[in-house]
Amino acid sequence: MTKTRFAPSPTGYLHIGGARTALFSWAYARQQGGQFVLRIEDTDRERSTQASVDAILDGMNWLGLDWDEGPVFQMDRLARYKEVADDLIARGLAYPCYASKDELDAMREAQRAAGQKPRYDGRWRPENAAGKTPPAGVEPVIRFRNPDHGDVSWNDLVKGVITVSNEELDDLVILRADGVPTYNFGVVIDDWDMGITQVIRGDDHVNNTPRQINLLRAMNAPVPDYAHVPMILGHDGERLSKRHGAVSVLQYDEDGYLPEALLNYLARLGWSHGDDEVFDLKQMVEWFDLGHISRSPARFDPEKLNWLNQQYLKICPAPRLGELLRPRLEKAGLNVDAGPDVAQVADLLRERGVTLNEIADAAHYFYATPTPPADLLAQHVNDESRPALVALKNALQTADWNAETIGPLIKDTATAHGLKMPKVAMPLRVLVCGTTSTPSIDAVLAVLGRERVLERLAALG
């Protein structure tokens, strides 16, 4: 059975790169009818926080990337890591190392001075440590005895065949003195125990892969397939940073993006299905394969994300759009329950913004009486327009209250006073909405309701 995993470290929020990795791993498992595991790699005890764990889980839930197993925490599995380390030691494939940090720093400095690549020199390998007395009171780390000769080769499902000489690798630490595993050791044991068949991750892990393959072979464990996804760059080709949009996934929620829009955008960052641009998760699962992941870095384009979000806002069902709009209006101090139906307002304004926040900003006049700027009033509400506006106000008191009636009424009133439609509609917008930019004014009035509209026209006398 196909089994993939997403294994973030809880040292920060879930960011764009991590979310894309999670999406690709999730989509592959779903496409293959397999399982998707969420694993929290929390062995960095100084930097791991519960707040980061919560942010990761909240981000995954907001995106709708459900998991079949987990979340599994590495710090709950320390006994298992020790068990494997003890087995490797017993078979001569790992050994205790007592070298201090200062000693290792001096070793590397001497190697650099000699023009050599800094690497552990094997000084505590059993054959080199014969006759040495371990320093008193020092708890050793455990190092893996990497093969001295030969190559490590694998067929990367994105990058193709990669081969690394074992002579380029040294004896890595697998267990720290406090019994906590290092990244490479914990990962391979977890992947083995959980039956992971495909490891889909960022290509910053390519250099870890030969070490992990050697560890798996030493443990007589199956080696999964690896797929290393190229990184995401900013629109300027530089490494993605906060100024490019490398913020928490939940910040996109805060900023008014729909999760389906962000997922659609992430899917197109380095993966494609022909020329298709707009597609939902269900469609992605049907189409997804690792063979169409690009080998080149993707570039983050905020304008493309904005365009996609706008497409999804246009098709979002009005009730859901209203519920998404409500907390944004309430956060602005507006009493939504005292105003018109928020779903109707959302439906009317859905094309007035790129984000939910922009739509919410455009909706304020539905829930709070606006105060039009004096210069705007003077420009539009004048001796020419006022008689028509007064007549319209009077007609609105008894008219059927729907856009189909209000629209012709505005037009007829303008005609009766020898004015073109905008000469009445524009000052009407200013008085009722406080702005000249609104959807069709007849639809706006219909949603606002007779009482609110007449209250705002009362100043006409």
Protein backbone atom coordinates (compact mmCIF):
# COMPACT_ATOMS: atom_id res chain seq x y z
CA MET A 1 0.00 0.00 0.00
CA THR A 2 1.21 3.50 -0.84
CA LYS A 3 2.03 5.53 2.26
CA THR A 4 3.41 9.06 2.33
CA ARG A 5 4.11 11.48 5.14
CA PHE A 6 4.53 15.13 5.97
CA ALA A 7 7.01 15.65 8.77
CA PRO A 8 7.44 19.30 9.81
CA SER A 9 9.54 20.50 12.72
CA PRO A 10 7.52 22.60 15.21
CA THR A 11 10.06 25.42 15.30
CA GLY A 12 7.82 27.90 13.46
CA TYR A 13 4.63 28.23 11.48
CA LEU A 14 3.52 26.20 8.47
CA HIS A 15 4.85 28.21 5.54
CA ILE A 16 4.27 28.10 1.78
CA GLY A 17 7.07 25.63 1.04
CA GLY A 18 5.95 23.24 3.76
CA ALA A 19 2.31 23.52 2.69
CA ARG A 20 3.22 22.63 -0.90
CA THR A 21 5.21 19.60 0.27
CA ALA A 22 2.25 18.52 2.41
CA LEU A 23 -0.10 19.00 -0.55
CA PHE A 24 2.03 16.92 -2.94
CA SER A 25 2.44 14.13 -0.37
CA TRP A 26 -1.27 14.18 0.46
CA ALA A 27 -2.36 14.25 -3.20
CA TYR A 28 -0.06 11.36 -4.13
CA ALA A 29 -1.39 9.19 -1.30
CA ARG A 30 -4.99 10.01 -2.21
CA GLN A 31 -4.39 9.44 -5.94
CA GLN A 32 -2.89 6.03 -5.20
CA GLY A 33 -5.62 5.06 -2.74
CA GLY A 34 -3.02 4.98 0.02
CA GLN A 35 -2.49 6.66 3.39
CA PHE A 36 -1.04 9.97 4.49
CA VAL A 37 0.79 10.33 7.82
CA LEU A 38 1.38 13.53 9.80
CA ARG A 39 4.53 13.34 11.90
CA ILE A 40 5.84 16.11 14.14
CA GLU A 41 9.65 16.03 14.31
CA ASP A 42 10.06 17.73 17.67
CA THR A 43 13.55 16.60 18.66
CA ASP A 44 14.94 20.15 18.56
CA ARG A 45 14.00 20.70 22.17
CA GLU A 46 15.32 24.27 22.36
CA ARG A 47 13.29 25.56 19.42
CA SER A 48 10.22 23.31 19.34
CA THR A 49 7.10 24.89 20.85
CA GLN A 50 3.49 23.93 21.40
CA ALA A 51 2.48 27.15 19.66
CA SER A 52 4.25 25.94 16.52
CA VAL A 53 2.57 22.52 16.78
CA ASP A 54 -0.80 24.26 17.02
CA ALA A 55 0.03 26.51 14.05
CA ILE A 56 0.95 23.48 11.92
CA LEU A 57 -2.20 21.57 12.84
CA ASP A 58 -4.40 24.64 12.37
CA GLY A 59 -2.77 25.31 8.99
CA MET A 60 -3.31 21.75 7.80
CA ASN A 61 -6.93 21.83 8.95
CA TRP A 62 -7.59 25.18 7.27
CA LEU A 63 -6.19 23.83 4.00
CA GLY A 64 -8.31 20.69 4.35
CA LEU A 65 -5.33 18.29 4.15
CA ASP A 66 -6.57 15.48 6.38
CA TRP A 67 -4.28 12.75 7.64
CA ASP A 68 -4.91 9.05 8.21
CA GLU A 69 -2.34 8.55 10.95
CA GLY A 70 -0.92 10.91 13.53
CA PRO A 71 0.10 13.38 14.55
CA VAL A 72 3.01 11.22 15.70
CA PHE A 73 5.58 12.98 17.92
CA GLN A 74 9.21 11.86 17.83
CA MET A 75 9.79 12.71 21.47
CA ASP A 76 7.29 9.97 22.36
CA ARG A 77 9.52 7.40 20.63
CA LEU A 78 12.91 7.84 22.36
CA ALA A 79 12.98 4.24 23.60
CA ARG A 80 12.61 2.99 20.02
CA TYR A 81 15.54 5.09 18.78
CA LYS A 82 17.76 3.78 21.58
CA GLU A 83 16.72 0.22 20.78
CA VAL A 84 17.86 0.59 17.16
CA ALA A 85 21.08 2.38 18.17
CA ASP A 86 21.93 -0.44 20.62
CA ASP A 87 21.37 -2.99 17.86
CA LEU A 88 23.70 -1.12 15.49
CA ILE A 89 26.37 -0.92 18.21
CA ALA A 90 26.03 -4.65 18.91
CA ARG A 91 26.59 -5.38 15.21
CA GLY A 92 29.59 -3.08 14.93
CA LEU A 93 27.74 -0.54 12.79
CA ALA A 94 27.71 2.24 15.38
CA TYR A 95 29.96 3.27 18.27
CA PRO A 96 30.24 5.76 21.15
CA CYS A 97 32.24 8.92 20.49
CA TYR A 98 33.66 10.99 23.38
CA ALA A 99 35.09 13.88 21.36
CA SER A 100 34.21 17.27 22.84
CA LYS A 101 32.91 20.22 20.85
CA ASP A 102 36.20 22.08 21.26
CA GLU A 103 38.10 19.02 20.11
CA LEU A 104 35.92 18.68 16.99
CA ASP A 105 36.18 22.41 16.22
CA ALA A 106 39.98 22.20 16.38
CA MET A 107 39.94 19.12 14.13
CA ARG A 108 37.87 20.90 11.49
CA GLU A 109 39.99 24.04 11.65
CA ALA A 110 43.14 21.99 11.05
CA GLN A 111 41.47 20.26 8.10
CA ARG A 112 40.48 23.59 6.54
CA ALA A 113 44.01 24.93 7.03
CA ALA A 114 45.31 21.87 5.17
CA GLY A 115 42.86 22.47 2.32
CA GLN A 116 40.75 19.46 3.23
CA LYS A 117 36.99 19.11 3.48
CA PRO A 118 36.00 19.35 7.18
CA ARG A 119 34.71 15.98 8.34
CA TYR A 120 34.84 13.69 11.35
CA ASP A 121 38.10 11.71 11.23
CA GLY A 122 36.90 8.52 12.93
CA ARG A 123 39.05 9.02 16.01
CA TRP A 124 36.65 7.04 18.23
CA ARG A 125 36.03 4.22 15.78
CA PRO A 126 36.78 1.02 17.71
CA GLU A 127 39.97 0.29 15.76
CA ASN A 128 41.24 3.85 16.34
CA ALA A 129 40.16 4.04 19.98
CA ALA A 130 41.88 0.81 21.05
CA GLY A 131 43.68 1.46 24.32
CA LYS A 132 42.04 4.86 24.81
CA THR A 133 40.39 5.50 28.16
CA PRO A 134 37.06 7.32 27.80
CA PRO A 135 37.20 10.68 29.64
CA ALA A 136 35.58 10.56 33.06
CA GLY A 137 32.12 12.01 33.44
CA VAL A 138 31.53 12.44 29.69
CA GLU A 139 28.38 10.97 28.17
CA PRO A 140 29.21 9.94 24.59
CA VAL A 141 27.23 10.53 21.46
CA ILE A 142 26.58 7.55 19.21
CA ARG A 143 27.94 7.68 15.66
CA PHE A 144 26.97 5.55 12.69
CA ARG A 145 29.85 3.79 11.00
CA ASN A 146 29.37 4.87 7.42
CA PRO A 147 30.75 2.53 4.73
CA ASP A 148 34.26 3.60 3.68
CA HIS A 149 33.98 2.65 0.03
CA GLY A 150 31.44 2.30 -2.76
CA ASP A 151 28.60 4.55 -3.82
CA VAL A 152 25.05 5.33 -2.75
CA SER A 153 22.72 5.60 -5.72
CA TRP A 154 18.98 6.10 -6.04
CA ASN A 155 16.51 6.96 -8.77
CA ASP A 156 14.93 10.16 -7.55
CA LEU A 157 11.33 10.37 -8.76
CA VAL A 158 11.81 14.04 -9.65
CA LYS A 159 15.51 14.52 -10.32
CA GLY A 160 16.45 11.16 -11.84
CA VAL A 161 19.44 9.02 -10.85
CA ILE A 162 21.69 10.55 -8.16
CA THR A 163 24.94 8.92 -7.05
CA VAL A 164 27.13 9.92 -4.10
CA SER A 165 30.45 8.36 -3.13
CA ASN A 166 30.67 7.02 0.42
CA GLU A 167 34.08 8.67 0.65
CA GLU A 168 32.22 12.00 0.67
CA LEU A 169 30.34 11.00 3.82
CA ASP A 170 31.63 10.72 7.36
CA ASP A 171 30.38 8.99 10.50
CA LEU A 172 27.35 11.06 11.47
CA VAL A 173 26.01 11.36 15.00
CA ILE A 174 22.78 9.39 15.29
CA LEU A 175 22.07 9.66 19.01
CA ARG A 176 22.99 12.66 21.15
CA ALA A 177 24.40 12.27 24.63
CA ASP A 178 20.96 12.95 26.12
CA GLY A 179 19.41 10.09 24.15
CA VAL A 180 17.60 12.30 21.62
CA PRO A 181 18.09 11.21 18.00
CA THR A 182 19.52 13.47 15.34
CA TYR A 183 17.33 14.33 12.35
CA ASN A 184 18.72 11.70 9.98
CA PHE A 185 18.41 8.88 12.50
CA GLY A 186 14.91 9.66 13.74
CA VAL A 187 13.59 10.12 10.21
CA VAL A 188 14.70 6.75 8.87
CA ILE A 189 13.43 4.79 11.87
CA ASP A 190 10.08 6.56 11.66
CA ASP A 191 9.81 5.98 7.92
CA TRP A 192 10.66 2.30 8.45
CA ASP A 193 8.26 1.76 11.37
CA MET A 194 5.42 3.61 9.64
CA GLY A 195 5.84 1.79 6.35
CA ILE A 196 6.47 4.94 4.30
CA THR A 197 6.79 3.98 0.64
CA GLN A 198 7.40 7.42 -0.94
CA VAL A 199 9.22 10.30 0.71
CA ILE A 200 8.24 13.56 -0.99
CA ARG A 201 10.15 16.54 0.36
CA GLY A 202 12.12 19.66 -0.54
CA ASP A 203 15.37 19.31 -2.44
CA ASP A 204 17.28 20.83 0.47
CA HIS A 205 17.18 17.24 1.79
CA VAL A 206 19.02 15.70 -1.18
CA ASN A 207 22.31 15.75 0.75
CA ASN A 208 20.69 13.85 3.63
CA THR A 209 19.40 11.07 1.41
CA PRO A 210 22.64 9.04 0.92
CA ARG A 211 23.19 9.05 4.68
CA GLN A 212 19.62 7.91 5.26
CA ILE A 213 19.87 5.15 2.67
CA ASN A 214 23.05 3.84 4.31
CA LEU A 215 21.30 3.87 7.69
CA LEU A 216 18.28 1.99 6.33
CA ARG A 217 20.50 -0.64 4.72
CA ALA A 218 22.43 -1.06 7.97
CA MET A 219 19.12 -1.65 9.76
CA ASN A 220 18.01 -4.15 7.08
CA ALA A 221 15.01 -1.87 6.46
CA PRO A 222 13.35 -1.24 3.09
CA VAL A 223 14.44 1.92 1.30
CA PRO A 224 11.48 4.09 0.21
CA ASP A 225 11.30 5.95 -3.08
CA TYR A 226 12.50 9.54 -2.82
CA ALA A 227 11.10 12.55 -4.67
CA HIS A 228 12.87 15.84 -4.03
CA VAL A 229 10.84 18.88 -5.02
CA PRO A 230 12.72 22.03 -6.12
CA MET A 231 12.46 25.04 -3.85
CA ILE A 232 10.17 28.01 -4.31
CA LEU A 233 11.85 31.29 -5.22
CA GLY A 234 10.52 34.82 -5.02
CA HIS A 235 9.26 36.52 -8.19
CA ASP A 236 12.73 38.11 -8.49
CA GLY A 237 14.50 34.75 -8.49
CA GLU A 238 15.85 35.16 -4.96
CA ARG A 239 15.25 32.71 -2.14
CA LEU A 240 11.69 33.04 -0.86
CA SER A 241 11.46 35.33 2.17
CA LYS A 242 8.80 37.24 4.09
CA ARG A 243 8.92 40.10 1.61
CA HIS A 244 7.88 37.64 -1.13
CA GLY A 245 5.00 36.15 0.86
CA ALA A 246 6.82 33.45 2.84
CA VAL A 247 4.55 33.90 5.83
CA SER A 248 2.40 31.52 7.82
CA VAL A 249 -0.27 29.73 5.84
CA LEU A 250 -2.73 31.06 8.41
CA GLN A 251 -1.70 34.60 7.48
CA TYR A 252 -3.32 33.99 4.10
CA ASP A 253 -6.53 33.17 5.96
CA GLU A 254 -6.11 36.39 7.94
CA ASP A 255 -5.51 38.31 4.71
CA GLY A 256 -8.72 37.05 3.12
CA TYR A 257 -7.67 34.23 0.82
CA LEU A 258 -9.77 31.11 0.37
CA PRO A 259 -7.99 27.83 1.20
CA GLU A 260 -9.01 26.28 -2.13
CA ALA A 261 -7.42 29.20 -3.98
CA LEU A 262 -4.15 28.83 -2.08
CA LEU A 263 -4.13 25.05 -2.65
CA ASN A 264 -4.79 25.53 -6.37
CA TYR A 265 -1.94 28.03 -6.51
CA LEU A 266 0.46 25.78 -4.58
CA ALA A 267 -0.37 22.88 -6.88
CA ARG A 268 0.71 24.96 -9.88
CA LEU A 269 3.97 25.95 -8.17
CA GLY A 270 6.20 23.36 -9.78
CA TRP A 271 3.55 20.91 -11.03
CA SER A 272 1.23 21.11 -13.99
CA HIS A 273 -1.48 19.30 -15.88
CA GLY A 274 -1.34 20.69 -19.38
CA ASP A 275 -2.58 24.27 -19.49
CA ASP A 276 -5.17 23.82 -16.73
CA GLU A 277 -5.11 26.72 -14.28
CA VAL A 278 -8.24 26.52 -12.11
CA PHE A 279 -9.02 23.15 -10.54
CA ASP A 280 -10.17 21.91 -7.16
CA LEU A 281 -8.60 19.32 -4.86
CA LYS A 282 -10.73 16.50 -6.22
CA GLN A 283 -9.55 17.21 -9.75
CA MET A 284 -5.95 17.52 -8.60
CA VAL A 285 -6.09 14.12 -6.93
CA GLU A 286 -7.36 12.57 -10.17
CA TRP A 287 -4.56 14.16 -12.19
CA PHE A 288 -1.62 14.16 -9.77
CA ASP A 289 1.56 12.31 -10.59
CA LEU A 290 5.17 12.83 -9.60
CA GLY A 291 6.38 12.75 -13.21
CA HIS A 292 4.98 16.22 -13.89
CA ILE A 293 6.80 17.93 -11.04
CA SER A 294 9.27 20.37 -12.53
CA ARG A 295 13.00 19.93 -11.91
CA SER A 296 13.43 23.70 -11.86
CA PRO A 297 12.61 26.02 -8.93
CA ALA A 298 9.15 27.58 -9.01
CA ARG A 299 8.63 31.33 -8.65
CA PHE A 300 6.09 32.75 -6.25
CA ASP A 301 3.84 35.25 -8.04
CA PRO A 302 1.44 37.16 -5.74
CA GLU A 303 -0.51 38.51 -8.70
CA LYS A 304 -1.28 34.98 -9.91
CA LEU A 305 -2.47 34.02 -6.43
CA ASN A 306 -4.68 37.12 -6.36
CA TRP A 307 -6.17 36.21 -9.73
CA LEU A 308 -6.94 32.67 -8.57
CA ASN A 309 -8.49 33.90 -5.35
CA GLN A 310 -10.75 36.19 -7.33
CA GLN A 311 -11.89 33.26 -9.48
CA TYR A 312 -12.81 31.28 -6.38
CA LEU A 313 -14.60 34.24 -4.79
CA LYS A 314 -16.78 34.46 -7.88
CA ILE A 315 -17.98 30.87 -7.55
CA CYS A 316 -18.10 30.57 -3.76
CA PRO A 317 -21.69 29.81 -2.60
CA ALA A 318 -23.29 32.92 -1.10
CA PRO A 319 -24.05 31.37 2.33
CA ARG A 320 -20.41 30.32 2.78
CA LEU A 321 -19.14 33.64 1.47
CA GLY A 322 -21.38 35.39 3.98
CA GLU A 323 -20.08 33.32 6.87
CA LEU A 324 -16.51 34.08 5.86
CA LEU A 325 -17.35 37.77 5.63
CA ARG A 326 -19.13 37.98 8.99
CA PRO A 327 -16.08 37.80 11.34
CA ARG A 328 -14.25 40.37 9.25
CA LEU A 329 -17.15 42.80 9.56
CA GLU A 330 -17.50 42.12 13.28
CA LYS A 331 -13.77 42.67 13.76
CA ALA A 332 -14.32 46.15 12.27
CA GLY A 333 -16.88 46.83 14.99
CA LEU A 334 -19.97 46.43 12.80
CA ASN A 335 -23.21 44.90 14.10
CA VAL A 336 -23.91 42.40 11.35
CA ASP A 337 -27.09 41.10 12.94
CA ALA A 338 -28.61 44.59 12.86
CA GLY A 339 -28.01 44.92 9.12
CA PRO A 340 -29.11 43.12 5.96
CA ASP A 341 -28.50 39.44 5.38
CA VAL A 342 -24.74 39.01 5.14
CA ALA A 343 -25.03 36.30 2.47
CA GLN A 344 -26.95 38.72 0.24
CA VAL A 345 -24.35 41.42 0.81
CA ALA A 346 -21.52 38.99 0.05
CA ASP A 347 -23.23 37.82 -3.11
CA LEU A 348 -23.70 41.40 -4.30
CA LEU A 349 -20.09 42.39 -3.60
CA ARG A 350 -18.25 39.17 -4.57
CA GLU A 351 -16.66 40.80 -7.62
CA ARG A 352 -15.69 43.99 -5.80
CA GLY A 353 -12.43 42.67 -4.37
CA VAL A 354 -9.52 40.29 -4.75
CA THR A 355 -9.74 39.09 -1.14
CA LEU A 356 -12.40 38.63 1.50
CA ASN A 357 -10.89 41.59 3.34
CA GLU A 358 -11.43 43.86 0.34
CA ILE A 359 -15.03 42.70 0.06
CA ALA A 360 -15.51 43.32 3.78
CA ASP A 361 -14.12 46.84 3.40
CA ALA A 362 -16.58 47.46 0.56
CA ALA A 363 -19.48 46.22 2.72
CA HIS A 364 -19.22 48.72 5.60
CA TYR A 365 -22.01 51.01 4.37
CA PHE A 366 -24.49 48.13 4.63
CA TYR A 367 -23.98 47.99 8.41
CA ALA A 368 -23.11 51.56 9.38
CA THR A 369 -24.58 54.82 8.14
CA PRO A 370 -21.83 56.51 6.13
CA THR A 371 -20.82 60.16 6.40
CA PRO A 372 -20.13 61.31 2.85
CA PRO A 373 -17.22 63.77 2.47
CA ALA A 374 -18.47 67.35 2.16
CA ASP A 375 -16.77 67.93 -1.17
CA LEU A 376 -18.36 64.77 -2.60
CA LEU A 377 -21.80 65.91 -1.43
CA ALA A 378 -21.28 69.35 -2.89
CA GLN A 379 -20.22 67.85 -6.21
CA HIS A 380 -23.18 65.52 -6.64
CA VAL A 381 -26.07 66.73 -4.47
CA ASN A 382 -26.78 70.17 -5.92
CA ASP A 383 -29.60 72.34 -7.26
CA GLU A 384 -29.70 70.23 -10.43
CA SER A 385 -30.08 66.84 -8.80
CA ARG A 386 -31.88 67.69 -5.56
CA PRO A 387 -35.49 67.96 -6.96
CA ALA A 388 -35.17 64.57 -8.64
CA LEU A 389 -33.71 63.02 -5.46
CA VAL A 390 -36.58 64.38 -3.34
CA ALA A 391 -39.12 63.00 -5.81
CA LEU A 392 -37.36 59.64 -5.81
CA LYS A 393 -37.32 59.55 -2.02
CA ASN A 394 -41.06 60.11 -1.94
CA ALA A 395 -41.68 57.43 -4.58
CA LEU A 396 -39.54 54.91 -2.70
CA GLN A 397 -41.76 55.16 0.38
CA THR A 398 -44.49 53.11 -1.28
CA ALA A 399 -42.72 51.29 -4.12
CA ASP A 400 -42.41 47.50 -4.21
CA TRP A 401 -39.02 46.85 -2.63
CA ASN A 402 -36.99 44.91 -5.15
CA ALA A 403 -34.34 45.73 -7.73
CA GLU A 404 -36.76 45.07 -10.60
CA THR A 405 -38.99 47.90 -9.40
CA ILE A 406 -36.34 50.29 -8.01
CA GLY A 407 -34.21 50.34 -11.18
CA PRO A 408 -36.96 51.58 -13.52
CA LEU A 409 -38.15 54.00 -10.83
CA ILE A 410 -34.74 55.70 -10.72
CA LYS A 411 -34.63 55.88 -14.51
CA ASP A 412 -38.16 57.27 -14.80
CA THR A 413 -37.47 59.88 -12.13
CA ALA A 414 -34.36 61.04 -13.97
CA THR A 415 -36.30 61.26 -17.26
CA ALA A 416 -39.13 63.21 -15.64
CA HIS A 417 -36.63 65.83 -14.45
CA GLY A 418 -34.78 66.04 -17.74
CA LEU A 419 -31.68 64.33 -16.38
CA LYS A 420 -29.56 61.45 -17.55
CA MET A 421 -29.57 58.39 -15.30
CA PRO A 422 -26.07 59.02 -13.75
CA LYS A 423 -27.20 62.51 -12.63
CA VAL A 424 -29.57 60.78 -10.21
CA ALA A 425 -27.84 57.47 -9.57
CA MET A 426 -24.50 59.00 -8.59
CA PRO A 427 -25.80 61.43 -5.93
CA LEU A 428 -28.05 58.62 -4.71
CA ARG A 429 -24.93 56.47 -4.18
CA VAL A 430 -23.20 59.29 -2.32
CA LEU A 431 -26.13 59.86 0.04
CA VAL A 432 -26.89 56.19 0.73
CA CYS A 433 -23.45 54.58 0.51
CA GLY A 434 -21.01 57.45 1.08
CA THR A 435 -19.15 56.62 -2.12
CA THR A 436 -19.59 56.72 -5.89
CA SER A 437 -18.29 53.18 -6.34
CA THR A 438 -20.93 50.49 -5.71
CA PRO A 439 -22.59 47.64 -7.55
CA SER A 440 -25.79 48.46 -9.44
CA ILE A 441 -27.57 50.98 -7.23
CA ASP A 442 -30.98 49.33 -7.58
CA ALA A 443 -29.53 46.05 -6.23
CA VAL A 444 -27.77 47.91 -3.41
CA LEU A 445 -30.97 49.63 -2.32
CA ALA A 446 -32.91 46.38 -2.50
CA VAL A 447 -30.45 44.65 -0.14
CA LEU A 448 -30.15 47.64 2.21
CA GLY A 449 -33.89 47.72 2.80
CA ARG A 450 -36.46 50.51 2.65
CA GLU A 451 -36.00 51.75 6.22
CA ARG A 452 -32.24 52.26 5.98
CA VAL A 453 -32.45 53.88 2.56
CA LEU A 454 -35.12 56.38 3.62
CA GLU A 455 -33.20 57.22 6.80
CA ARG A 456 -30.15 58.10 4.71
CA LEU A 457 -32.22 60.20 2.32
CA ALA A 458 -33.98 62.07 5.12
CA ALA A 459 -31.51 64.97 4.91
CA LEU A 460 -33.03 65.89 1.54
CA GLY A 461 -36.10 67.17 3.35
